């Protein structure tokens, strides 16, 4: 057997290279185990985000139902324009609920069953005052806390959906603030100027933004084309 030093050196180089490659591969695999586990179980990776989305889903489902029965009550009491506003807000809340449901299901989870049996409508005047209080609370305190809770997990779509909902609530607040609000015995008199004309409301199907006039080119919240708005039919 002839000893070939060149051949032996080449073999050693190949072996070393192979060993380095295997080591690098193993390092890459073991070094990213948490990423592999996260990919297999996204609900674990986004635990806080999922908890907030589940909570918001329930809030939005209840809100959509509440504003719909508020609309029905306003129709019964002959307040067509206010019924129209409540219906528009209900549609907006339903869009947000759909967003949160989609996100929850995208990580392999199911939405909870929401109990709507306790939701009741008062008089239209009472419903307006309740709406103003609820919307203000969500704008001033709840949404900033939700954003703070889920931001560390960095779920971009969840943050976007949350921003859409927050901006829509601000629009709702402005629209509700335009409604008369006073003692019940003066309510119909205060309402007369508002009911004199015929209301028009538009809701963006992408972000839920609710307006009385269409923007010229795109939605000011989600930047989608104006064609993404639908006109809300009168109830």
Protein backbone atom coordinates (compact mmCIF):
# COMPACT_ATOMS: atom_id res chain seq x y z
CA UNK A 1 0.00 0.00 0.00
CA UNK A 2 1.40 3.33 -1.07
CA UNK A 3 1.10 6.20 1.33
CA UNK A 4 -0.21 9.27 -0.52
CA UNK A 5 0.17 12.31 1.69
CA UNK A 6 -1.67 14.58 -0.74
CA UNK A 7 -4.65 12.25 -0.87
CA UNK A 8 -4.69 11.89 2.91
CA UNK A 9 -4.57 15.68 3.37
CA UNK A 10 -7.43 16.11 0.92
CA UNK A 11 -9.48 13.53 2.80
CA UNK A 12 -8.82 15.27 6.09
CA UNK A 13 -9.89 18.61 4.63
CA UNK A 14 -13.10 17.07 3.30
CA UNK A 15 -13.82 15.43 6.64
CA UNK A 16 -13.21 18.67 8.51
CA UNK A 17 -15.42 20.59 6.11
CA UNK A 18 -18.16 18.02 6.49
CA UNK A 19 -17.87 18.16 10.26
CA UNK A 20 -18.09 21.96 10.25
CA UNK A 21 -21.16 21.82 8.00
CA UNK A 22 -22.92 19.33 10.26
CA UNK A 23 -22.02 21.38 13.33
CA UNK A 24 -23.33 24.55 11.72
CA UNK A 25 -26.53 22.79 10.71
CA UNK A 26 -27.08 21.43 14.19
CA UNK A 27 -26.42 24.86 15.69
CA UNK A 28 -28.90 26.42 13.34
CA UNK A 29 -31.53 23.85 14.23
CA UNK A 30 -31.01 23.87 17.98
CA UNK A 31 -30.47 27.61 18.08
CA UNK A 32 -33.88 28.22 16.52
CA UNK A 33 -35.86 25.59 18.37
CA UNK A 34 -38.10 28.24 19.91
CA UNK A 35 -38.96 29.53 16.45
CA UNK A 36 -39.86 26.05 15.27
CA UNK A 37 -42.02 25.52 18.32
CA UNK A 38 -43.68 28.91 17.78
CA UNK A 39 -44.46 28.03 14.18
CA UNK A 40 -46.03 24.76 15.33
CA UNK A 41 -48.01 26.48 18.10
CA UNK A 42 -48.70 30.15 17.23
CA UNK A 43 -51.29 30.40 20.00
CA UNK A 44 -48.47 29.94 22.50
CA UNK A 45 -46.30 32.54 20.81
CA UNK A 46 -49.15 35.10 20.83
CA UNK A 47 -50.74 34.16 24.13
CA UNK A 48 -51.42 37.72 25.30
CA UNK A 49 -52.55 38.84 21.86
CA UNK A 50 -54.97 35.93 21.65
CA UNK A 51 -56.41 36.72 25.09
CA UNK A 52 -57.03 40.33 24.07
CA UNK A 53 -58.53 39.30 20.72
CA UNK A 54 -60.93 36.89 22.46
CA UNK A 55 -62.00 39.64 24.85
CA UNK A 56 -62.43 42.18 22.06
CA UNK A 57 -64.36 39.69 19.96
CA UNK A 58 -66.90 39.38 22.76
CA UNK A 59 -67.06 43.15 23.21
CA UNK A 60 -67.62 43.78 19.51
CA UNK A 61 -70.24 41.03 19.10
CA UNK A 62 -72.19 42.45 22.03
CA UNK A 63 -71.78 46.00 20.73
CA UNK A 64 -73.03 45.04 17.27
CA UNK A 65 -76.10 43.40 18.80
CA UNK A 66 -76.69 46.26 21.22
CA UNK A 67 -76.61 48.93 18.53
CA UNK A 68 -78.91 46.86 16.33
CA UNK A 69 -81.59 46.65 19.03
CA UNK A 70 -81.03 50.36 19.74
CA UNK A 71 -81.77 50.94 16.07
CA UNK A 72 -84.91 48.81 16.29
CA UNK A 73 -86.10 50.78 19.32
CA UNK A 74 -85.48 54.11 17.56
CA UNK A 75 -87.57 52.89 14.62
CA UNK A 76 -90.38 51.95 17.02
CA UNK A 77 -90.25 55.43 18.55
CA UNK A 78 -90.23 57.18 15.17
CA UNK A 79 -86.62 58.41 15.24
CA UNK A 80 -85.55 57.37 11.75
CA UNK A 81 -82.24 59.22 11.56
CA UNK A 82 -81.05 58.02 14.95
CA UNK A 83 -82.09 54.48 14.01
CA UNK A 84 -79.96 54.92 10.89
CA UNK A 85 -76.94 55.99 12.96
CA UNK A 86 -77.30 53.05 15.34
CA UNK A 87 -77.55 50.66 12.39
CA UNK A 88 -74.37 52.10 10.83
CA UNK A 89 -72.47 51.69 14.10
CA UNK A 90 -73.77 48.13 14.44
CA UNK A 91 -72.38 47.27 11.00
CA UNK A 92 -69.03 48.82 11.95
CA UNK A 93 -68.84 46.80 15.17
CA UNK A 94 -69.69 43.63 13.24
CA UNK A 95 -66.73 44.29 10.91
CA UNK A 96 -64.40 44.55 13.91
CA UNK A 97 -65.81 41.36 15.41
CA UNK A 98 -65.15 39.60 12.10
CA UNK A 99 -61.54 40.83 12.15
CA UNK A 100 -60.92 39.50 15.64
CA UNK A 101 -62.64 36.20 14.82
CA UNK A 102 -60.46 35.79 11.72
CA UNK A 103 -57.30 36.41 13.73
CA UNK A 104 -58.29 34.02 16.52
CA UNK A 105 -58.99 31.26 14.01
CA UNK A 106 -55.74 31.97 12.14
CA UNK A 107 -53.76 30.69 15.14
CA UNK A 108 -55.85 27.54 15.39
CA UNK A 109 -58.20 28.65 18.16
CA UNK A 110 -61.98 29.00 18.30
CA UNK A 111 -64.02 31.99 19.36
CA UNK A 112 -66.04 31.74 22.54
CA UNK A 113 -69.83 31.62 22.47
CA UNK A 114 -71.14 35.08 23.37
CA UNK A 115 -74.24 35.39 25.55
CA UNK A 116 -76.46 38.22 24.30
CA UNK A 117 -79.48 37.48 26.48
CA UNK A 118 -78.81 40.24 29.02
CA UNK A 119 -78.61 43.06 26.46
CA UNK A 120 -81.65 45.33 26.52
CA UNK A 121 -82.68 48.59 24.87
CA UNK A 122 -84.04 51.52 26.81
CA UNK A 123 -85.67 54.59 25.32
CA UNK A 124 -83.83 56.23 22.43
CA UNK A 125 -82.75 59.07 24.72
CA UNK A 126 -81.36 56.58 27.24
CA UNK A 127 -79.66 54.60 24.49
CA UNK A 128 -77.91 57.70 23.18
CA UNK A 129 -76.62 58.61 26.62
CA UNK A 130 -75.43 55.04 27.21
CA UNK A 131 -73.68 55.02 23.84
CA UNK A 132 -71.86 58.28 24.56
CA UNK A 133 -70.62 56.98 27.91
CA UNK A 134 -69.52 53.61 26.52
CA UNK A 135 -67.77 55.01 23.46
CA UNK A 136 -65.92 57.62 25.54
CA UNK A 137 -64.69 54.97 27.96
CA UNK A 138 -63.34 52.82 25.12
CA UNK A 139 -61.54 55.74 23.49
CA UNK A 140 -59.98 57.17 26.64
CA UNK A 141 -58.91 54.05 28.50
CA UNK A 142 -59.58 50.61 27.06
CA UNK A 143 -57.96 50.72 23.63
CA UNK A 144 -54.66 52.27 24.80
CA UNK A 145 -54.39 49.48 27.39
CA UNK A 146 -55.09 46.79 24.81
CA UNK A 147 -52.42 48.14 22.49
CA UNK A 148 -49.92 48.27 25.36
CA UNK A 149 -50.69 44.65 26.27
CA UNK A 150 -50.19 43.13 22.83
CA UNK A 151 -47.39 45.34 21.47
CA UNK A 152 -44.51 43.26 22.97
CA UNK A 153 -45.63 40.18 21.00
CA UNK A 154 -45.45 42.13 17.74
CA UNK A 155 -48.42 40.62 15.90
CA UNK A 156 -48.70 43.18 13.09
CA UNK A 157 -52.19 42.24 11.92
CA UNK A 158 -53.60 42.27 15.46
CA UNK A 159 -52.15 45.73 16.04
CA UNK A 160 -53.62 46.91 12.74
CA UNK A 161 -57.07 45.54 13.56
CA UNK A 162 -56.90 47.13 16.98
CA UNK A 163 -55.97 50.48 15.47
CA UNK A 164 -58.88 50.19 13.02
CA UNK A 165 -61.31 49.55 15.87
CA UNK A 166 -59.92 52.41 17.97
CA UNK A 167 -60.15 54.92 15.13
CA UNK A 168 -63.68 53.75 14.30
CA UNK A 169 -64.73 54.30 17.92
CA UNK A 170 -63.50 57.88 17.66
CA UNK A 171 -65.71 58.39 14.61
CA UNK A 172 -68.64 56.84 16.47
CA UNK A 173 -68.07 59.21 19.36
CA UNK A 174 -68.14 62.26 17.09
CA UNK A 175 -71.33 61.08 15.41
CA UNK A 176 -73.04 60.40 18.74
CA UNK A 177 -71.95 63.79 20.06
CA UNK A 178 -73.92 65.39 17.24
CA UNK A 179 -77.12 63.89 18.64
CA UNK A 180 -79.30 65.89 21.05
CA UNK A 181 -78.88 64.98 24.69
CA UNK A 182 -81.07 66.48 27.35
CA UNK A 183 -83.89 65.88 29.77
CA UNK A 184 -86.28 63.23 28.52
CA UNK A 185 -89.22 65.64 28.44
CA UNK A 186 -87.35 67.89 25.97
CA UNK A 187 -85.84 65.13 23.90
CA UNK A 188 -88.32 65.16 21.02
CA UNK A 189 -88.07 68.95 20.75
CA UNK A 190 -84.27 68.84 20.73
CA UNK A 191 -84.35 66.06 18.16
CA UNK A 192 -86.65 67.83 15.70
CA UNK A 193 -83.90 69.70 13.75
CA UNK A 194 -81.85 66.54 13.37
CA UNK A 195 -84.82 64.52 12.13
CA UNK A 196 -85.82 67.24 9.64
CA UNK A 197 -83.36 66.06 6.98
CA UNK A 198 -82.57 62.57 5.72
CA UNK A 199 -79.40 61.05 7.12
CA UNK A 200 -76.74 59.23 5.10
CA UNK A 201 -74.07 56.97 6.55
CA UNK A 202 -71.21 55.07 4.96
CA UNK A 203 -69.11 52.30 6.52
CA UNK A 204 -65.72 51.16 5.27
CA UNK A 205 -65.83 47.39 4.82
CA UNK A 206 -62.11 47.05 5.57
CA UNK A 207 -61.72 49.03 8.80
CA UNK A 208 -65.25 49.90 9.94
CA UNK A 209 -64.79 53.68 9.76
CA UNK A 210 -68.23 55.35 9.74
CA UNK A 211 -68.81 58.70 8.02
CA UNK A 212 -71.66 60.89 6.78
CA UNK A 213 -69.77 61.98 3.65
CA UNK A 214 -67.49 59.89 1.49
CA UNK A 215 -63.81 60.88 1.38
CA UNK A 216 -62.62 62.05 -2.02
CA UNK A 217 -60.08 59.32 -2.74
CA UNK A 218 -59.29 56.97 0.12
CA UNK A 219 -60.28 56.08 3.66
CA UNK A 220 -58.46 58.33 6.17
CA UNK A 221 -57.92 55.35 8.51
CA UNK A 222 -56.97 52.30 6.41
CA UNK A 223 -56.02 54.14 3.18
CA UNK A 224 -58.13 51.81 1.08
CA UNK A 225 -59.94 53.23 -1.99
CA UNK A 226 -63.24 55.01 -1.50
CA UNK A 227 -64.91 52.07 -3.23
CA UNK A 228 -64.42 50.04 -0.03
CA UNK A 229 -67.21 52.10 1.58
CA UNK A 230 -70.80 50.91 1.48
CA UNK A 231 -73.83 53.13 2.01
CA UNK A 232 -75.92 51.95 4.94
CA UNK A 233 -79.58 51.50 3.95
CA UNK A 234 -82.15 53.18 6.15
CA UNK A 235 -83.83 50.77 8.57
